[in-house]
Amino acid sequence: KIFARPGTVLLYHLHQHVQRTIVPLDKSSKNVQNATLAIEDPNFYTHAGIELRAIARAVVNMVIPGGITQGGSTITQQVVKLSILTGDKTITRKFKEWILALKLTKVLTKDQVLELYLNQVPYGGSIYGVEEAAQKFFGKTASDVSIAEAAYLAAVMPAPTYYSPYGNHLDALHARKNLVLSKMLEHGYITETEFEEAKVAEVQFQAPRDSSIDAPHFVFYVRQYLEEKYGADTLEESGWRIITTLDAEMQEKAEEKIEEVGLKDRI
């Protein structure tokens, strides 16, 4: 839990509200699916749930001091990690992930696995699943997301706090969005014209409206700092009580003043 000083006003409870809207795969636009596949797992529909090259890299990293340092998990592996296993970076957990990914591919179709993933993946704060993210970020359903918007959704996935559209790394978010678009072009999901149009398209993000987060920009900054210092898994599993420097009373007065002078829409 993240508090304002001196520890009496709760700004954010990491697990208080998991906001998720489950939708079938055909209710997520092809733009969303293609952007996700292009950047996360372009061979998703052809492999058996694991990628041998990625496994080879992981095995090498396992023997290097410091443990596994690279990603490269397939979407199937990520479904296993999100729904069954913990996020610890141990050799045993990684082997379990590979075995379960192979088994999952035998009992579910590829579309079913992708549907699970798009409904499970975190997009920052309490937002889980592509439908909830599309509504929170753009005020529309996942079925109506444009190519540029889909690229932003896919860009957020690997580090939702760092790449948050409400955080402090917007340049990095925009750069990764362009990387997603490049991958979509590379793998034939979009044309050169669509690529160029999506790169320059102006995407408007809705103001954060989650009532469970007070001072969201500050909260995202604090959470990002903690993730960078201690790791995302530690932050989510340690049950910390964090008292920040924010003065809740002063913050409230500042927001009232902004509203009074009519600057809210410009900030």
Protein backbone atom coordinates (compact mmCIF):
# COMPACT_ATOMS: atom_id res chain seq x y z
CA LYS A 1 0.00 0.00 0.00
CA ILE A 2 1.24 3.48 -0.88
CA PHE A 3 0.36 6.30 1.54
CA ALA A 4 0.73 10.05 1.69
CA ARG A 5 2.61 11.35 4.71
CA PRO A 6 2.36 10.76 7.62
CA GLY A 7 0.78 7.42 6.68
CA THR A 8 -2.92 8.05 7.25
CA VAL A 9 -4.14 8.73 3.68
CA LEU A 10 -4.07 5.73 1.32
CA LEU A 11 -3.09 6.74 -2.23
CA TYR A 12 -3.05 3.29 -3.83
CA HIS A 13 -3.59 -0.34 -2.92
CA LEU A 14 -1.74 -2.49 -5.45
CA HIS A 15 -4.19 -5.40 -5.27
CA GLN A 16 -7.33 -3.69 -4.01
CA HIS A 17 -9.16 -3.69 -7.33
CA VAL A 18 -8.25 -5.95 -10.23
CA GLN A 19 -10.16 -4.42 -13.12
CA ARG A 20 -10.74 -6.86 -15.94
CA THR A 21 -13.39 -7.32 -18.64
CA ILE A 22 -13.23 -10.77 -20.23
CA VAL A 23 -13.92 -10.84 -23.97
CA PRO A 24 -13.71 -13.62 -26.58
CA LEU A 25 -10.92 -13.36 -29.11
CA ASP A 26 -13.22 -12.22 -31.91
CA LYS A 27 -14.14 -9.17 -29.79
CA SER A 28 -10.53 -7.99 -29.90
CA SER A 29 -9.65 -6.35 -33.19
CA LYS A 30 -7.13 -7.97 -35.51
CA ASN A 31 -5.01 -4.86 -34.91
CA VAL A 32 -4.67 -5.81 -31.23
CA GLN A 33 -3.93 -9.44 -32.01
CA ASN A 34 -1.42 -8.63 -34.74
CA ALA A 35 0.44 -5.99 -32.72
CA THR A 36 0.74 -8.39 -29.78
CA LEU A 37 1.93 -11.28 -31.92
CA ALA A 38 4.40 -9.12 -33.88
CA ILE A 39 6.28 -7.91 -30.81
CA GLU A 40 5.71 -10.75 -28.35
CA ASP A 41 5.67 -13.96 -30.38
CA PRO A 42 5.68 -13.74 -34.21
CA ASN A 43 5.96 -17.55 -34.57
CA PHE A 44 3.05 -18.20 -32.20
CA TYR A 45 0.90 -20.07 -34.72
CA THR A 46 3.74 -22.33 -35.91
CA HIS A 47 5.65 -23.41 -32.79
CA ALA A 48 4.60 -26.04 -30.24
CA GLY A 49 4.41 -23.62 -27.31
CA ILE A 50 8.14 -23.06 -26.86
CA GLU A 51 10.95 -21.67 -29.02
CA LEU A 52 14.12 -23.79 -29.07
CA ARG A 53 16.39 -20.78 -29.67
CA ALA A 54 14.89 -18.95 -26.70
CA ILE A 55 15.36 -22.06 -24.56
CA ALA A 56 19.00 -22.26 -25.61
CA ARG A 57 19.51 -18.63 -24.58
CA ALA A 58 17.77 -19.25 -21.27
CA VAL A 59 19.93 -22.31 -20.53
CA VAL A 60 23.07 -20.26 -21.17
CA ASN A 61 21.79 -17.50 -18.90
CA MET A 62 21.04 -20.00 -16.16
CA VAL A 63 24.74 -20.81 -15.76
CA ILE A 64 25.76 -17.15 -15.71
CA PRO A 65 26.03 -15.63 -12.22
CA GLY A 66 22.97 -13.53 -11.48
CA GLY A 67 20.47 -15.94 -13.00
CA ILE A 68 18.18 -15.52 -15.98
CA THR A 69 18.52 -12.04 -17.42
CA GLN A 70 16.77 -12.34 -20.78
CA GLY A 71 13.14 -12.80 -21.68
CA GLY A 72 12.02 -14.43 -24.89
CA SER A 73 9.12 -16.42 -23.46
CA THR A 74 6.43 -17.37 -25.93
CA ILE A 75 2.85 -16.24 -25.39
CA THR A 76 2.02 -19.81 -24.31
CA GLN A 77 4.76 -19.69 -21.68
CA GLN A 78 3.50 -16.33 -20.46
CA VAL A 79 -0.03 -17.75 -20.08
CA VAL A 80 1.44 -20.53 -17.94
CA LYS A 81 3.39 -18.02 -15.87
CA LEU A 82 0.42 -15.68 -15.41
CA SER A 83 -2.12 -18.38 -14.53
CA ILE A 84 -0.23 -21.27 -12.93
CA LEU A 85 3.32 -20.51 -11.84
CA THR A 86 4.99 -17.79 -9.81
CA GLY A 87 7.32 -15.23 -11.36
CA ASP A 88 10.50 -16.33 -9.59
CA LYS A 89 13.54 -16.76 -11.83
CA THR A 90 14.72 -20.22 -10.81
CA ILE A 91 15.84 -23.10 -13.03
CA THR A 92 13.12 -25.35 -11.62
CA ARG A 93 10.37 -22.85 -12.37
CA LYS A 94 11.66 -22.34 -15.92
CA PHE A 95 11.65 -26.08 -16.65
CA LYS A 96 8.10 -26.34 -15.33
CA GLU A 97 7.10 -23.46 -17.60
CA TRP A 98 8.47 -25.20 -20.69
CA ILE A 99 6.78 -28.52 -19.87
CA LEU A 100 3.43 -26.94 -19.09
CA ALA A 101 3.58 -24.80 -22.24
CA LEU A 102 4.01 -27.96 -24.33
CA LYS A 103 1.09 -29.61 -22.53
CA LEU A 104 -1.11 -26.52 -22.89
CA THR A 105 -0.61 -26.51 -26.65
CA LYS A 106 -1.96 -30.08 -26.79
CA VAL A 107 -5.21 -29.33 -24.93
CA LEU A 108 -6.04 -25.84 -26.23
CA THR A 109 -6.12 -24.35 -29.71
CA LYS A 110 -3.82 -21.47 -30.56
CA ASP A 111 -6.77 -19.07 -30.60
CA GLN A 112 -7.80 -20.21 -27.11
CA VAL A 113 -4.27 -19.61 -25.78
CA LEU A 114 -4.14 -16.14 -27.36
CA GLU A 115 -7.56 -15.33 -25.92
CA LEU A 116 -6.38 -16.33 -22.43
CA TYR A 117 -3.29 -14.18 -22.80
CA LEU A 118 -5.12 -11.06 -23.98
CA ASN A 119 -7.53 -11.36 -21.04
CA GLN A 120 -4.80 -11.95 -18.46
CA VAL A 121 -1.95 -9.61 -19.35
CA PRO A 122 -1.41 -6.63 -17.01
CA TYR A 123 -1.41 -3.11 -18.46
CA GLY A 124 -0.43 -1.19 -15.34
CA GLY A 125 -1.98 -0.52 -11.95
CA SER A 126 -5.18 -2.51 -11.55
CA ILE A 127 -5.83 -2.78 -15.31
CA TYR A 128 -5.77 -6.34 -16.64
CA GLY A 129 -6.78 -7.60 -20.07
CA VAL A 130 -6.92 -5.85 -23.41
CA GLU A 131 -10.59 -4.90 -23.17
CA GLU A 132 -10.15 -3.08 -19.87
CA ALA A 133 -6.97 -1.41 -21.15
CA ALA A 134 -8.67 -0.20 -24.34
CA GLN A 135 -11.53 1.29 -22.34
CA LYS A 136 -9.26 2.94 -19.77
CA PHE A 137 -6.68 4.25 -22.25
CA PHE A 138 -8.84 5.20 -25.24
CA GLY A 139 -12.47 5.09 -24.10
CA LYS A 140 -13.37 2.40 -26.63
CA THR A 141 -13.71 -1.36 -26.83
CA ALA A 142 -10.85 -3.60 -27.94
CA SER A 143 -12.80 -4.37 -31.12
CA ASP A 144 -12.52 -0.72 -32.23
CA VAL A 145 -8.83 -0.11 -31.55
CA SER A 146 -6.84 1.40 -34.42
CA ILE A 147 -3.42 0.20 -35.59
CA ALA A 148 -1.61 2.98 -33.70
CA GLU A 149 -3.64 2.36 -30.53
CA ALA A 150 -2.99 -1.38 -30.78
CA ALA A 151 0.73 -0.67 -31.08
CA TYR A 152 0.60 1.36 -27.86
CA LEU A 153 -1.23 -1.47 -26.06
CA ALA A 154 1.43 -3.95 -27.18
CA ALA A 155 4.19 -1.50 -26.27
CA VAL A 156 3.04 -1.30 -22.65
CA MET A 157 3.06 -5.08 -22.08
CA PRO A 158 6.69 -5.87 -21.07
CA ALA A 159 6.90 -3.18 -18.35
CA PRO A 160 3.45 -1.67 -17.63
CA THR A 161 4.70 0.76 -15.00
CA TYR A 162 7.72 1.97 -16.97
CA TYR A 163 5.82 2.34 -20.25
CA SER A 164 2.61 3.66 -18.69
CA PRO A 165 0.98 6.49 -20.67
CA TYR A 166 0.45 8.15 -17.28
CA GLY A 167 4.06 7.80 -16.16
CA ASN A 168 7.31 9.64 -16.76
CA HIS A 169 8.73 7.74 -19.73
CA LEU A 170 6.49 8.84 -22.57
CA ASP A 171 9.42 9.14 -24.99
CA ALA A 172 10.29 5.50 -24.31
CA LEU A 173 6.63 4.52 -24.78
CA HIS A 174 6.43 6.31 -28.14
CA ALA A 175 9.71 4.74 -29.26
CA ARG A 176 8.49 1.26 -28.36
CA LYS A 177 5.18 1.92 -30.13
CA ASN A 178 7.17 2.61 -33.27
CA LEU A 179 9.14 -0.59 -32.71
CA VAL A 180 5.86 -2.53 -32.54
CA LEU A 181 4.75 -0.92 -35.80
CA SER A 182 8.08 -1.87 -37.40
CA LYS A 183 7.58 -5.47 -36.31
CA MET A 184 4.02 -5.45 -37.67
CA LEU A 185 5.37 -4.27 -41.02
CA GLU A 186 8.23 -6.79 -40.93
CA HIS A 187 5.87 -9.72 -40.35
CA GLY A 188 3.33 -8.62 -42.93
CA TYR A 189 0.52 -7.50 -40.63
CA ILE A 190 0.38 -3.99 -42.09
CA THR A 191 1.35 -2.30 -45.35
CA GLU A 192 4.02 0.36 -45.77
CA THR A 193 1.27 2.99 -46.08
CA GLU A 194 -0.44 1.82 -42.88
CA PHE A 195 2.93 1.84 -41.12
CA GLU A 196 3.67 5.44 -42.10
CA GLU A 197 0.16 6.60 -41.19
CA ALA A 198 0.21 4.87 -37.80
CA LYS A 199 3.65 6.31 -36.93
CA VAL A 200 2.35 9.89 -37.20
CA ALA A 201 -1.21 9.26 -35.97
CA GLU A 202 -2.16 11.35 -32.93
CA VAL A 203 -3.47 9.05 -30.21
CA GLN A 204 -5.32 10.63 -27.31
CA PHE A 205 -5.11 8.85 -23.96
CA GLN A 206 -7.96 9.39 -21.55
CA ALA A 207 -7.17 10.94 -18.19
CA PRO A 208 -6.83 8.25 -15.50
CA ARG A 209 -10.21 7.76 -13.85
CA ASP A 210 -9.42 4.97 -11.39
CA SER A 211 -10.89 6.18 -8.10
CA SER A 212 -8.63 3.73 -6.25
CA ILE A 213 -5.58 5.83 -7.21
CA ASP A 214 -5.13 9.30 -5.75
CA ALA A 215 -2.38 11.43 -7.35
CA PRO A 216 -1.85 8.82 -10.11
CA HIS A 217 1.19 10.46 -11.72
CA PHE A 218 2.99 10.53 -8.38
CA VAL A 219 1.90 6.97 -7.53
CA PHE A 220 3.20 5.67 -10.87
CA TYR A 221 6.50 7.45 -10.23
CA VAL A 222 6.84 5.84 -6.79
CA ARG A 223 5.90 2.39 -8.09
CA GLN A 224 8.33 2.70 -10.98
CA TYR A 225 11.14 3.67 -8.59
CA LEU A 226 10.42 0.68 -6.36
CA GLU A 227 10.27 -1.72 -9.32
CA GLU A 228 13.61 -0.47 -10.62
CA LYS A 229 15.24 -0.72 -7.18
CA TYR A 230 13.74 -3.98 -5.87
CA GLY A 231 12.07 -5.68 -8.85
CA ALA A 232 8.40 -6.00 -9.87
CA ASP A 233 7.96 -9.42 -8.24
CA THR A 234 9.25 -8.15 -4.90
CA LEU A 235 6.94 -5.15 -5.01
CA GLU A 236 3.88 -7.29 -5.73
CA GLU A 237 4.62 -10.09 -3.27
CA SER A 238 6.22 -8.42 -0.23
CA GLY A 239 3.15 -6.69 1.26
CA TRP A 240 4.95 -3.40 1.88
CA ARG A 241 3.50 -0.31 3.56
CA ILE A 242 5.09 2.66 1.79
CA ILE A 243 4.80 6.19 3.18
CA THR A 244 5.69 8.84 0.60
CA THR A 245 6.55 12.54 0.81
CA LEU A 246 3.23 13.62 -0.72
CA ASP A 247 1.17 16.04 1.38
CA ALA A 248 -2.43 14.91 0.74
CA GLU A 249 -3.98 18.12 2.07
CA MET A 250 -1.78 20.31 -0.08
CA GLN A 251 -2.45 18.07 -3.10
CA GLU A 252 -6.20 18.44 -2.62
CA LYS A 253 -5.93 22.23 -2.36
CA ALA A 254 -3.82 22.35 -5.52
CA GLU A 255 -6.38 20.28 -7.44
CA GLU A 256 -9.19 22.57 -6.24
CA LYS A 257 -7.22 25.62 -7.41
CA ILE A 258 -6.59 24.05 -10.83
CA GLU A 259 -10.31 23.35 -11.16
CA GLU A 260 -11.13 26.89 -10.06
CA VAL A 261 -8.96 28.64 -12.63
CA GLY A 262 -9.99 26.30 -15.44
CA LEU A 263 -6.61 24.74 -16.14
CA LYS A 264 -7.60 21.09 -15.66
CA ASP A 265 -8.13 20.34 -19.34
CA ARG A 266 -4.76 21.83 -20.23
CA ILE A 267 -2.71 19.78 -17.74
